[in-house]
Amino acid sequence: MNFFSYIVDRDFGFAPNPFYGFCTLANCKPRTRKSAKVGDKIFGLAGKKYRGDGGHRLIYAMEVTEILTFENYFNDKRFKLKKPTIKSHPKRQFGDNIYYQDSLNRYVQLDSHHSFPNAITHTGNRDHDTQVDKVLISDNFVYYGNNAILLPNNLLDNVIANKNITVKRHHKNRFHSDFISELEKYWQTLPRGIYGNPNEWK
């Protein structure tokens, strides 16, 4: 079991997407999606603009309970509501189930948060997202969003992925065994479910 921590600097309810019974990480964070395995825990920490009083905060935490390919994710009926509908409630607008493969095994991108307006494919986002064919899924998670909670002091020195917030794409997943025990204890104290809306929803 590994723990991952990283900075969430764009919280739209897209990556992660905590809705319809599952927290999913299907886009962005290719290094995390490549490395994470079932049973691993992921902590998403608030970026600078989401910290309010300046303290380091937890936006979400999830245990990876399942991993699917993009194609399997797209075709799984459990995740039908995570396919985006742009002119709808934000929960549907920011759906993350946006990739399937055509007859030539090329990835097709739905009209979504990662495409250009009018359903024009954003090839940069498509290629970045699909470089790792893994969708991380959790039915054991907590999402705080705009109600992100302060991290306890005993975790701050080690869990923050990038203290200077200069490199936002990378995660941290190498921790001393004693600190992993502290992270596990903290994980066990957290509730489960959704306790706020994404920070970017107005």
N, C-alpha and C. Protein backbone atom coordinates (compact mmCIF):
# COMPACT_ATOMS: atom_id res chain seq x y z
N MET A 1 0.84 -1.20 0.00
CA MET A 1 0.00 0.00 0.00
C MET A 1 0.87 1.24 0.00
N ASN A 2 0.57 2.19 -0.90
CA ASN A 2 1.29 3.45 -0.97
C ASN A 2 0.33 4.60 -0.75
N PHE A 3 0.89 5.72 -0.30
CA PHE A 3 0.14 6.96 -0.20
C PHE A 3 0.71 7.94 -1.21
N PHE A 4 -0.18 8.70 -1.83
CA PHE A 4 0.21 9.74 -2.78
C PHE A 4 -0.38 11.06 -2.28
N SER A 5 0.38 12.14 -2.42
CA SER A 5 -0.16 13.47 -2.16
C SER A 5 0.24 14.39 -3.31
N TYR A 6 -0.67 15.30 -3.64
CA TYR A 6 -0.36 16.27 -4.71
C TYR A 6 -1.23 17.51 -4.52
N ILE A 7 -0.89 18.57 -5.26
CA ILE A 7 -1.59 19.83 -5.17
C ILE A 7 -2.72 19.88 -6.20
N VAL A 8 -3.93 20.16 -5.74
CA VAL A 8 -5.08 20.37 -6.63
C VAL A 8 -5.19 21.88 -6.85
N ASP A 9 -4.79 22.34 -8.02
CA ASP A 9 -4.85 23.79 -8.27
C ASP A 9 -5.98 24.16 -9.22
N ARG A 10 -6.76 23.15 -9.70
CA ARG A 10 -7.94 23.42 -10.53
C ARG A 10 -9.04 22.45 -10.07
N ASP A 11 -9.93 22.96 -9.22
CA ASP A 11 -10.95 22.10 -8.62
C ASP A 11 -12.31 22.43 -9.23
N PHE A 12 -12.64 21.73 -10.33
CA PHE A 12 -13.90 21.92 -11.04
C PHE A 12 -14.88 20.76 -10.83
N GLY A 13 -14.48 19.74 -10.10
CA GLY A 13 -15.28 18.52 -10.03
C GLY A 13 -15.03 17.62 -11.22
N PHE A 14 -13.90 17.86 -11.89
CA PHE A 14 -13.53 17.09 -13.09
C PHE A 14 -12.40 16.11 -12.79
N ALA A 15 -11.36 16.59 -12.14
CA ALA A 15 -10.23 15.74 -11.76
C ALA A 15 -9.75 16.17 -10.38
N PRO A 16 -10.30 15.57 -9.31
CA PRO A 16 -11.14 14.37 -9.33
C PRO A 16 -12.61 14.71 -9.59
N ASN A 17 -13.36 13.68 -9.95
CA ASN A 17 -14.81 13.78 -10.10
C ASN A 17 -15.43 12.92 -9.00
N PRO A 18 -16.07 13.55 -8.00
CA PRO A 18 -16.54 12.77 -6.83
C PRO A 18 -18.01 12.37 -6.88
N PHE A 19 -18.65 12.47 -8.03
CA PHE A 19 -20.11 12.35 -8.08
C PHE A 19 -20.61 10.97 -8.50
N TYR A 20 -21.89 10.76 -8.23
CA TYR A 20 -22.62 9.55 -8.61
C TYR A 20 -22.05 8.28 -7.98
N GLY A 21 -21.63 8.42 -6.73
CA GLY A 21 -21.24 7.26 -5.95
C GLY A 21 -19.79 6.84 -6.03
N PHE A 22 -19.03 7.49 -6.90
CA PHE A 22 -17.62 7.13 -7.07
C PHE A 22 -16.78 8.38 -7.21
N CYS A 23 -15.60 8.36 -6.62
CA CYS A 23 -14.61 9.39 -6.87
C CYS A 23 -13.65 8.82 -7.92
N THR A 24 -13.50 9.53 -9.03
CA THR A 24 -12.69 9.02 -10.14
C THR A 24 -11.62 10.02 -10.52
N LEU A 25 -10.47 9.49 -10.88
CA LEU A 25 -9.38 10.30 -11.42
C LEU A 25 -9.10 9.71 -12.80
N ALA A 26 -9.73 10.33 -13.81
CA ALA A 26 -9.68 9.80 -15.17
C ALA A 26 -8.85 10.67 -16.11
N ASN A 27 -8.59 11.89 -15.70
CA ASN A 27 -7.87 12.84 -16.55
C ASN A 27 -6.81 13.56 -15.73
N CYS A 28 -5.88 14.19 -16.43
CA CYS A 28 -4.76 14.85 -15.76
C CYS A 28 -3.95 13.81 -14.96
N LYS A 29 -2.99 14.23 -14.19
CA LYS A 29 -2.20 13.41 -13.28
C LYS A 29 -1.77 12.06 -13.88
N PRO A 30 -1.18 12.04 -15.09
CA PRO A 30 -0.79 10.75 -15.68
C PRO A 30 0.24 9.98 -14.85
N ARG A 31 1.14 10.69 -14.18
CA ARG A 31 2.15 9.99 -13.38
C ARG A 31 1.50 9.28 -12.19
N THR A 32 0.55 9.95 -11.58
CA THR A 32 -0.15 9.33 -10.45
C THR A 32 -0.96 8.14 -10.94
N ARG A 33 -1.70 8.32 -12.03
CA ARG A 33 -2.51 7.23 -12.56
C ARG A 33 -1.65 6.04 -13.00
N LYS A 34 -0.46 6.33 -13.49
CA LYS A 34 0.43 5.24 -13.90
C LYS A 34 0.95 4.46 -12.70
N SER A 35 1.25 5.16 -11.63
CA SER A 35 1.91 4.52 -10.48
C SER A 35 0.94 3.87 -9.51
N ALA A 36 -0.24 4.42 -9.36
CA ALA A 36 -1.15 3.97 -8.31
C ALA A 36 -1.71 2.58 -8.60
N LYS A 37 -1.92 1.84 -7.52
CA LYS A 37 -2.48 0.48 -7.60
C LYS A 37 -3.69 0.38 -6.68
N VAL A 38 -4.47 -0.66 -6.87
CA VAL A 38 -5.62 -0.89 -5.99
C VAL A 38 -5.12 -1.01 -4.55
N GLY A 39 -5.77 -0.31 -3.66
CA GLY A 39 -5.38 -0.29 -2.25
C GLY A 39 -4.59 0.94 -1.85
N ASP A 40 -4.04 1.65 -2.83
CA ASP A 40 -3.30 2.87 -2.53
C ASP A 40 -4.26 3.99 -2.15
N LYS A 41 -3.74 4.96 -1.38
CA LYS A 41 -4.52 6.11 -0.96
C LYS A 41 -3.95 7.37 -1.62
N ILE A 42 -4.85 8.27 -2.02
CA ILE A 42 -4.45 9.51 -2.68
C ILE A 42 -5.04 10.68 -1.89
N PHE A 43 -4.19 11.65 -1.56
CA PHE A 43 -4.60 12.87 -0.89
C PHE A 43 -4.43 14.04 -1.85
N GLY A 44 -5.50 14.77 -2.12
CA GLY A 44 -5.43 15.97 -2.94
C GLY A 44 -5.47 17.20 -2.06
N LEU A 45 -4.39 17.98 -2.09
CA LEU A 45 -4.24 19.13 -1.21
C LEU A 45 -4.57 20.43 -1.95
N ALA A 46 -5.14 21.38 -1.23
CA ALA A 46 -5.59 22.62 -1.85
C ALA A 46 -4.43 23.44 -2.39
N GLY A 47 -4.58 23.89 -3.64
CA GLY A 47 -3.63 24.84 -4.20
C GLY A 47 -3.75 26.19 -3.50
N LYS A 48 -2.81 27.07 -3.79
CA LYS A 48 -2.70 28.34 -3.07
C LYS A 48 -3.99 29.14 -3.07
N LYS A 49 -4.69 29.20 -4.22
CA LYS A 49 -5.87 30.05 -4.29
C LYS A 49 -7.07 29.48 -3.54
N TYR A 50 -6.97 28.23 -3.09
CA TYR A 50 -8.08 27.60 -2.38
C TYR A 50 -7.85 27.54 -0.87
N ARG A 51 -6.79 28.13 -0.38
CA ARG A 51 -6.43 27.94 1.03
C ARG A 51 -7.10 28.89 2.00
N GLY A 52 -7.73 29.93 1.50
CA GLY A 52 -8.43 30.84 2.40
C GLY A 52 -7.48 31.53 3.37
N ASP A 53 -7.39 31.02 4.59
CA ASP A 53 -6.56 31.65 5.61
C ASP A 53 -5.08 31.32 5.45
N GLY A 54 -4.73 30.59 4.42
CA GLY A 54 -3.33 30.29 4.16
C GLY A 54 -2.86 28.95 4.67
N GLY A 55 -3.67 28.28 5.49
CA GLY A 55 -3.25 26.97 5.98
C GLY A 55 -3.38 25.90 4.91
N HIS A 56 -2.60 24.84 5.03
CA HIS A 56 -2.67 23.74 4.07
C HIS A 56 -3.91 22.90 4.34
N ARG A 57 -4.67 22.63 3.29
CA ARG A 57 -5.97 21.99 3.43
C ARG A 57 -6.11 20.76 2.55
N LEU A 58 -7.01 19.89 2.96
CA LEU A 58 -7.30 18.67 2.23
C LEU A 58 -8.59 18.86 1.43
N ILE A 59 -8.50 18.75 0.10
CA ILE A 59 -9.68 18.84 -0.76
C ILE A 59 -10.37 17.48 -0.86
N TYR A 60 -9.58 16.41 -0.99
CA TYR A 60 -10.20 15.08 -1.06
C TYR A 60 -9.18 14.02 -0.70
N ALA A 61 -9.67 12.85 -0.37
CA ALA A 61 -8.83 11.68 -0.14
C ALA A 61 -9.61 10.46 -0.64
N MET A 62 -8.91 9.55 -1.29
CA MET A 62 -9.58 8.37 -1.83
C MET A 62 -8.68 7.15 -1.73
N GLU A 63 -9.31 6.01 -1.53
CA GLU A 63 -8.62 4.74 -1.68
C GLU A 63 -8.93 4.22 -3.08
N VAL A 64 -7.90 3.82 -3.82
CA VAL A 64 -8.12 3.24 -5.14
C VAL A 64 -8.70 1.85 -4.95
N THR A 65 -9.96 1.67 -5.32
CA THR A 65 -10.61 0.37 -5.13
C THR A 65 -10.79 -0.37 -6.45
N GLU A 66 -10.53 0.31 -7.57
CA GLU A 66 -10.67 -0.33 -8.89
C GLU A 66 -9.91 0.50 -9.91
N ILE A 67 -9.40 -0.15 -10.94
CA ILE A 67 -8.71 0.53 -12.04
C ILE A 67 -9.26 -0.02 -13.35
N LEU A 68 -9.68 0.89 -14.24
CA LEU A 68 -10.19 0.50 -15.55
C LEU A 68 -9.43 1.20 -16.66
N THR A 69 -9.48 0.63 -17.87
CA THR A 69 -9.00 1.33 -19.04
C THR A 69 -10.04 2.38 -19.43
N PHE A 70 -9.65 3.33 -20.28
CA PHE A 70 -10.61 4.33 -20.74
C PHE A 70 -11.80 3.67 -21.45
N GLU A 71 -11.51 2.68 -22.28
CA GLU A 71 -12.58 2.03 -23.03
C GLU A 71 -13.56 1.32 -22.10
N ASN A 72 -13.04 0.61 -21.12
CA ASN A 72 -13.92 -0.07 -20.17
C ASN A 72 -14.70 0.92 -19.31
N TYR A 73 -14.04 2.00 -18.95
CA TYR A 73 -14.71 3.04 -18.16
C TYR A 73 -15.86 3.64 -18.97
N PHE A 74 -15.61 3.93 -20.23
CA PHE A 74 -16.62 4.55 -21.08
C PHE A 74 -17.84 3.66 -21.25
N ASN A 75 -17.61 2.37 -21.34
CA ASN A 75 -18.69 1.43 -21.62
C ASN A 75 -19.35 0.82 -20.38
N ASP A 76 -18.85 1.16 -19.21
CA ASP A 76 -19.40 0.62 -17.97
C ASP A 76 -20.64 1.42 -17.57
N LYS A 77 -21.77 0.74 -17.42
CA LYS A 77 -23.04 1.41 -17.13
C LYS A 77 -23.02 2.16 -15.81
N ARG A 78 -22.15 1.73 -14.89
CA ARG A 78 -22.09 2.42 -13.60
C ARG A 78 -21.68 3.88 -13.74
N PHE A 79 -20.95 4.18 -14.82
CA PHE A 79 -20.37 5.50 -14.98
C PHE A 79 -21.01 6.30 -16.11
N LYS A 80 -22.21 5.89 -16.50
CA LYS A 80 -22.92 6.58 -17.58
C LYS A 80 -23.15 8.05 -17.26
N LEU A 81 -23.52 8.35 -16.01
CA LEU A 81 -23.80 9.73 -15.64
C LEU A 81 -22.56 10.60 -15.54
N LYS A 82 -21.38 9.98 -15.61
CA LYS A 82 -20.14 10.75 -15.61
C LYS A 82 -19.74 11.19 -17.02
N LYS A 83 -20.53 10.81 -18.02
CA LYS A 83 -20.32 11.34 -19.37
C LYS A 83 -20.91 12.75 -19.40
N PRO A 84 -20.17 13.73 -19.87
CA PRO A 84 -20.60 15.12 -19.73
C PRO A 84 -21.77 15.50 -20.63
N THR A 85 -22.60 16.37 -20.09
CA THR A 85 -23.63 17.08 -20.84
C THR A 85 -23.37 18.56 -20.59
N ILE A 86 -22.85 19.25 -21.59
CA ILE A 86 -22.33 20.60 -21.38
C ILE A 86 -23.41 21.57 -20.92
N LYS A 87 -24.58 21.55 -21.51
CA LYS A 87 -25.65 22.46 -21.13
C LYS A 87 -26.54 21.78 -20.09
N SER A 88 -26.01 21.69 -18.89
CA SER A 88 -26.70 21.00 -17.82
C SER A 88 -26.17 21.50 -16.49
N HIS A 89 -26.59 20.83 -15.40
CA HIS A 89 -26.06 21.12 -14.07
C HIS A 89 -24.55 20.87 -14.07
N PRO A 90 -23.78 21.64 -13.29
CA PRO A 90 -22.33 21.44 -13.27
C PRO A 90 -21.89 20.00 -13.01
N LYS A 91 -22.66 19.24 -12.24
CA LYS A 91 -22.29 17.83 -12.02
C LYS A 91 -22.18 17.09 -13.34
N ARG A 92 -23.04 17.43 -14.30
CA ARG A 92 -22.99 16.79 -15.61
C ARG A 92 -22.01 17.50 -16.54
N GLN A 93 -21.93 18.82 -16.43
CA GLN A 93 -21.02 19.58 -17.30
C GLN A 93 -19.58 19.09 -17.16
N PHE A 94 -19.19 18.79 -15.93
CA PHE A 94 -17.80 18.44 -15.67
C PHE A 94 -17.59 16.94 -15.53
N GLY A 95 -18.44 16.16 -16.18
CA GLY A 95 -18.22 14.73 -16.21
C GLY A 95 -16.86 14.38 -16.80
N ASP A 96 -16.22 13.37 -16.24
CA ASP A 96 -14.85 13.02 -16.65
C ASP A 96 -14.78 11.80 -17.56
N ASN A 97 -15.91 11.21 -17.90
CA ASN A 97 -15.93 10.00 -18.74
C ASN A 97 -15.98 10.43 -20.20
N ILE A 98 -14.85 10.85 -20.75
CA ILE A 98 -14.86 11.60 -22.01
C ILE A 98 -14.10 10.94 -23.15
N TYR A 99 -13.54 9.76 -22.95
CA TYR A 99 -12.74 9.14 -24.01
C TYR A 99 -13.23 7.75 -24.38
N TYR A 100 -13.31 7.49 -25.68
CA TYR A 100 -13.53 6.14 -26.19
C TYR A 100 -12.67 5.97 -27.43
N GLN A 101 -12.55 4.75 -27.91
CA GLN A 101 -11.71 4.47 -29.07
C GLN A 101 -12.57 4.16 -30.29
N ASP A 102 -12.16 4.71 -31.43
CA ASP A 102 -12.88 4.44 -32.67
C ASP A 102 -12.40 3.13 -33.28
N SER A 103 -12.84 2.83 -34.49
CA SER A 103 -12.52 1.54 -35.12
C SER A 103 -11.04 1.38 -35.40
N LEU A 104 -10.30 2.49 -35.40
CA LEU A 104 -8.85 2.43 -35.63
C LEU A 104 -8.08 2.56 -34.31
N ASN A 105 -8.79 2.39 -33.20
CA ASN A 105 -8.20 2.48 -31.86
C ASN A 105 -7.62 3.86 -31.55
N ARG A 106 -8.19 4.88 -32.18
CA ARG A 106 -7.80 6.25 -31.86
C ARG A 106 -8.76 6.80 -30.81
N TYR A 107 -8.22 7.57 -29.88
CA TYR A 107 -9.07 8.12 -28.82
C TYR A 107 -9.92 9.27 -29.36
N VAL A 108 -11.20 9.20 -29.08
CA VAL A 108 -12.14 10.25 -29.41
C VAL A 108 -12.51 10.97 -28.12
N GLN A 109 -12.53 12.30 -28.18
CA GLN A 109 -12.80 13.12 -27.00
C GLN A 109 -14.21 13.72 -27.10
N LEU A 110 -15.03 13.49 -26.08
CA LEU A 110 -16.36 14.08 -26.05
C LEU A 110 -16.28 15.58 -25.80
N ASP A 111 -17.36 16.27 -26.15
CA ASP A 111 -17.52 17.67 -25.78
C ASP A 111 -17.49 17.76 -24.26
N SER A 112 -16.51 18.47 -23.72
CA SER A 112 -16.25 18.35 -22.28
C SER A 112 -15.39 19.50 -21.78
N HIS A 113 -15.08 19.43 -20.51
CA HIS A 113 -14.18 20.41 -19.88
C HIS A 113 -12.80 20.40 -20.54
N HIS A 114 -12.41 19.31 -21.15
CA HIS A 114 -11.08 19.21 -21.76
C HIS A 114 -11.08 19.40 -23.27
N SER A 115 -12.21 19.71 -23.85
CA SER A 115 -12.26 20.00 -25.29
C SER A 115 -12.38 21.51 -25.49
N PHE A 116 -12.24 21.95 -26.73
CA PHE A 116 -12.53 23.33 -27.08
C PHE A 116 -14.05 23.50 -27.23
N PRO A 117 -14.55 24.74 -27.23
CA PRO A 117 -15.99 24.95 -27.45
C PRO A 117 -16.47 24.31 -28.75
N ASN A 118 -17.74 23.99 -28.77
CA ASN A 118 -18.39 23.38 -29.94
C ASN A 118 -17.83 22.00 -30.25
N ALA A 119 -17.42 21.29 -29.21
CA ALA A 119 -16.99 19.90 -29.32
C ALA A 119 -15.75 19.72 -30.19
N ILE A 120 -14.94 20.75 -30.31
CA ILE A 120 -13.68 20.63 -31.06
C ILE A 120 -12.63 19.98 -30.16
N THR A 121 -12.01 18.93 -30.66
CA THR A 121 -11.03 18.19 -29.87
C THR A 121 -9.84 19.05 -29.48
N HIS A 122 -9.49 19.01 -28.22
CA HIS A 122 -8.26 19.64 -27.73
C HIS A 122 -7.20 18.54 -27.73
N THR A 123 -6.40 18.50 -28.78
CA THR A 123 -5.45 17.40 -28.94
C THR A 123 -4.40 17.38 -27.83
N GLY A 124 -4.05 18.55 -27.32
CA GLY A 124 -3.08 18.58 -26.23
C GLY A 124 -3.61 17.90 -24.99
N ASN A 125 -4.84 18.24 -24.59
CA ASN A 125 -5.44 17.58 -23.43
C ASN A 125 -5.66 16.10 -23.69
N ARG A 126 -6.15 15.78 -24.88
CA ARG A 126 -6.40 14.36 -25.21
C ARG A 126 -5.12 13.54 -25.09
N ASP A 127 -4.05 14.04 -25.69
CA ASP A 127 -2.80 13.27 -25.68
C ASP A 127 -2.20 13.19 -24.29
N HIS A 128 -2.35 14.27 -23.51
CA HIS A 128 -1.84 14.26 -22.14
C HIS A 128 -2.62 13.27 -21.28
N ASP A 129 -3.93 13.30 -21.39
CA ASP A 129 -4.77 12.42 -20.57
C ASP A 129 -4.56 10.95 -20.91
N THR A 130 -4.51 10.64 -22.20
CA THR A 130 -4.54 9.24 -22.64
C THR A 130 -3.17 8.60 -22.74
N GLN A 131 -2.11 9.34 -22.37
CA GLN A 131 -0.78 8.72 -22.41
C GLN A 131 -0.69 7.56 -21.41
N VAL A 132 -1.57 7.56 -20.42
CA VAL A 132 -1.67 6.46 -19.45
C VAL A 132 -3.11 5.96 -19.49
N ASP A 133 -3.29 4.73 -19.90
CA ASP A 133 -4.63 4.17 -20.11
C ASP A 133 -5.16 3.56 -18.81
N LYS A 134 -5.31 4.42 -17.80
CA LYS A 134 -5.79 3.97 -16.50
C LYS A 134 -6.72 5.03 -15.91
N VAL A 135 -7.86 4.57 -15.44
CA VAL A 135 -8.79 5.41 -14.69
C VAL A 135 -8.84 4.88 -13.27
N LEU A 136 -8.53 5.73 -12.30
CA LEU A 136 -8.55 5.33 -10.90
C LEU A 136 -9.95 5.56 -10.34
N ILE A 137 -10.49 4.57 -9.67
CA ILE A 137 -11.87 4.60 -9.20
C ILE A 137 -11.90 4.29 -7.71
N SER A 138 -12.79 4.97 -7.00
CA SER A 138 -12.91 4.72 -5.56
C SER A 138 -14.37 4.78 -5.13
N ASP A 139 -14.78 3.79 -4.33
CA ASP A 139 -16.07 3.88 -3.63
C ASP A 139 -15.82 4.05 -2.14
N ASN A 140 -14.59 4.47 -1.79
CA ASN A 140 -14.19 4.71 -0.41
C ASN A 140 -13.40 6.01 -0.38
N PHE A 141 -14.12 7.13 -0.20
CA PHE A 141 -13.48 8.43 -0.38
C PHE A 141 -14.19 9.50 0.44
N VAL A 142 -13.52 10.64 0.58
CA VAL A 142 -14.13 11.84 1.12
C VAL A 142 -13.74 13.00 0.22
N TYR A 143 -14.71 13.86 -0.09
CA TYR A 143 -14.46 15.04 -0.91
C TYR A 143 -15.01 16.26 -0.17
N TYR A 144 -14.11 17.22 0.10
CA TYR A 144 -14.49 18.44 0.81
C TYR A 144 -14.67 19.64 -0.12
N GLY A 145 -13.95 19.69 -1.22
CA GLY A 145 -14.07 20.79 -2.16
C GLY A 145 -13.88 22.14 -1.50
N ASN A 146 -14.91 23.02 -1.62
CA ASN A 146 -14.79 24.37 -1.06
C ASN A 146 -14.90 24.41 0.46
N ASN A 147 -15.08 23.26 1.07
CA ASN A 147 -15.04 23.16 2.54
C ASN A 147 -13.81 22.39 3.01
N ALA A 148 -12.74 22.50 2.23
CA ALA A 148 -11.51 21.77 2.54
C ALA A 148 -11.08 22.00 3.98
N ILE A 149 -10.62 20.94 4.62
CA ILE A 149 -10.26 21.00 6.04
C ILE A 149 -8.76 21.18 6.20
N LEU A 150 -8.38 21.82 7.29
CA LEU A 150 -6.96 22.01 7.59
C LEU A 150 -6.29 20.67 7.88
N LEU A 151 -5.10 20.49 7.35
CA LEU A 151 -4.32 19.30 7.67
C LEU A 151 -3.76 19.42 9.08
N PRO A 152 -3.69 18.33 9.82
CA PRO A 152 -3.09 18.39 11.17
C PRO A 152 -1.60 18.70 11.09
N ASN A 153 -1.12 19.36 12.10
CA ASN A 153 0.27 19.81 12.10
C ASN A 153 1.28 18.68 11.97
N ASN A 154 0.94 17.49 12.49
CA ASN A 154 1.92 16.40 12.47
C ASN A 154 2.12 15.84 11.05
N LEU A 155 1.29 16.26 10.11
CA LEU A 155 1.46 15.77 8.73
C LEU A 155 2.14 16.78 7.82
N LEU A 156 2.16 18.04 8.22
CA LEU A 156 2.52 19.10 7.28
C LEU A 156 3.91 18.96 6.69
N ASP A 157 4.91 18.65 7.50
CA ASP A 157 6.29 18.67 7.01
C ASP A 157 6.57 17.62 5.95
N ASN A 158 5.78 16.56 5.94
CA ASN A 158 6.10 15.46 5.03
C ASN A 158 5.09 15.26 3.90
N VAL A 159 3.82 15.56 4.14
CA VAL A 159 2.80 15.17 3.16
C VAL A 159 2.70 16.14 1.99
N ILE A 160 3.14 17.39 2.17
CA ILE A 160 2.98 18.38 1.11
C ILE A 160 3.90 18.03 -0.05
N ALA A 161 3.28 17.87 -1.23
CA ALA A 161 4.01 17.39 -2.40
C ALA A 161 5.05 18.40 -2.87
N ASN A 162 4.69 19.66 -2.89
CA ASN A 162 5.60 20.70 -3.37
C ASN A 162 5.44 21.93 -2.49
N LYS A 163 6.29 22.05 -1.50
CA LYS A 163 6.11 23.10 -0.49
C LYS A 163 6.13 24.50 -1.10
N ASN A 164 6.92 24.69 -2.13
CA ASN A 164 7.00 26.01 -2.74
C ASN A 164 5.96 26.20 -3.84
N ILE A 165 5.19 25.17 -4.12
CA ILE A 165 4.13 25.21 -5.13
C ILE A 165 4.67 25.74 -6.45
N THR A 166 5.85 25.31 -6.82
CA THR A 166 6.41 25.75 -8.10
C THR A 166 6.20 24.70 -9.18
N VAL A 167 6.10 23.44 -8.80
CA VAL A 167 5.84 22.36 -9.76
C VAL A 167 4.56 21.68 -9.31
N LYS A 168 3.47 21.88 -10.05
CA LYS A 168 2.17 21.45 -9.58
C LYS A 168 1.73 20.11 -10.16
N ARG A 169 2.47 19.58 -11.11
CA ARG A 169 2.02 18.37 -11.78
C ARG A 169 2.44 17.10 -11.06
N HIS A 170 3.41 17.20 -10.17
CA HIS A 170 3.99 16.00 -9.60
C HIS A 170 3.36 15.63 -8.26
N HIS A 171 3.43 14.34 -7.95
CA HIS A 171 2.95 13.88 -6.67
C HIS A 171 4.14 13.50 -5.78
N LYS A 172 3.82 13.23 -4.53
CA LYS A 172 4.81 12.71 -3.60
C LYS A 172 4.29 11.38 -3.10
N ASN A 173 5.12 10.34 -3.14
CA ASN A 173 4.66 9.04 -2.66
C ASN A 173 5.77 8.24 -1.98
N ARG A 174 6.79 8.92 -1.58
CA ARG A 174 7.86 8.24 -0.84
C ARG A 174 7.89 8.79 0.58
N PHE A 175 7.45 7.97 1.50
CA PHE A 175 7.37 8.37 2.89
C PHE A 175 8.03 7.31 3.77
N HIS A 176 8.58 7.75 4.87
CA HIS A 176 9.15 6.84 5.86
C HIS A 176 8.05 5.95 6.41
N SER A 177 8.39 4.73 6.76
CA SER A 177 7.39 3.78 7.23
C SER A 177 6.64 4.28 8.45
N ASP A 178 7.33 4.98 9.34
CA ASP A 178 6.66 5.52 10.53
C ASP A 178 5.63 6.57 10.13
N PHE A 179 5.96 7.37 9.11
CA PHE A 179 5.03 8.40 8.68
C PHE A 179 3.85 7.78 7.94
N ILE A 180 4.07 6.68 7.23
CA ILE A 180 2.96 5.98 6.57
C ILE A 180 1.94 5.54 7.61
N SER A 181 2.42 5.11 8.77
CA SER A 181 1.51 4.73 9.85
C SER A 181 0.68 5.92 10.30
N GLU A 182 1.30 7.12 10.35
CA GLU A 182 0.57 8.32 10.73
C GLU A 182 -0.48 8.67 9.67
N LEU A 183 -0.11 8.51 8.40
CA LEU A 183 -1.06 8.78 7.32
C LEU A 183 -2.25 7.82 7.39
N GLU A 184 -1.98 6.56 7.67
CA GLU A 184 -3.05 5.57 7.75
C GLU A 184 -3.99 5.90 8.91
N LYS A 185 -3.44 6.30 10.05
CA LYS A 185 -4.27 6.68 11.19
C LYS A 185 -5.15 7.87 10.83
N TYR A 186 -4.57 8.85 10.13
CA TYR A 186 -5.34 10.02 9.72
C TYR A 186 -6.45 9.62 8.75
N TRP A 187 -6.11 8.79 7.78
CA TRP A 187 -7.10 8.30 6.81
C TRP A 187 -8.29 7.66 7.52
N GLN A 188 -8.01 6.88 8.54
CA GLN A 188 -9.08 6.18 9.25
C GLN A 188 -9.99 7.14 10.02
N THR A 189 -9.50 8.32 10.36
CA THR A 189 -10.33 9.28 11.09
C THR A 189 -11.26 10.08 10.19
N LEU A 190 -11.03 10.06 8.89
CA LEU A 190 -11.81 10.87 7.97
C LEU A 190 -13.18 10.26 7.73
N PRO A 191 -14.21 11.11 7.56
CA PRO A 191 -15.53 10.58 7.19
C PRO A 191 -15.50 10.14 5.73
N ARG A 192 -16.59 9.64 5.24
CA ARG A 192 -16.71 9.27 3.83
C ARG A 192 -17.88 10.04 3.24
N GLY A 193 -17.77 10.38 1.95
CA GLY A 193 -18.85 11.09 1.29
C GLY A 193 -18.42 12.46 0.79
N ILE A 194 -19.41 13.27 0.39
CA ILE A 194 -19.19 14.59 -0.18
C ILE A 194 -19.64 15.65 0.82
N TYR A 195 -18.75 16.63 1.11
CA TYR A 195 -19.04 17.63 2.12
C TYR A 195 -18.88 19.06 1.58
N GLY A 196 -18.83 19.22 0.28
CA GLY A 196 -18.74 20.55 -0.30
C GLY A 196 -18.85 20.48 -1.81
N ASN A 197 -18.90 21.63 -2.45
CA ASN A 197 -18.89 21.73 -3.90
C ASN A 197 -17.50 22.07 -4.40
N PRO A 198 -17.21 21.77 -5.66
CA PRO A 198 -15.93 22.16 -6.23
C PRO A 198 -15.69 23.68 -6.08
N ASN A 199 -14.44 24.05 -5.83
CA ASN A 199 -14.10 25.44 -5.58
C ASN A 199 -14.44 26.37 -6.73
N GLU A 200 -14.41 25.86 -7.95
CA GLU A 200 -14.62 26.71 -9.12
C GLU A 200 -16.10 26.88 -9.48
N TRP A 201 -17.00 26.20 -8.78
CA TRP A 201 -18.41 26.41 -9.04
C TRP A 201 -18.83 27.73 -8.39
N LYS A 202 -19.49 28.56 -9.13
CA LYS A 202 -19.91 29.88 -8.63
C LYS A 202 -21.43 29.92 -8.44
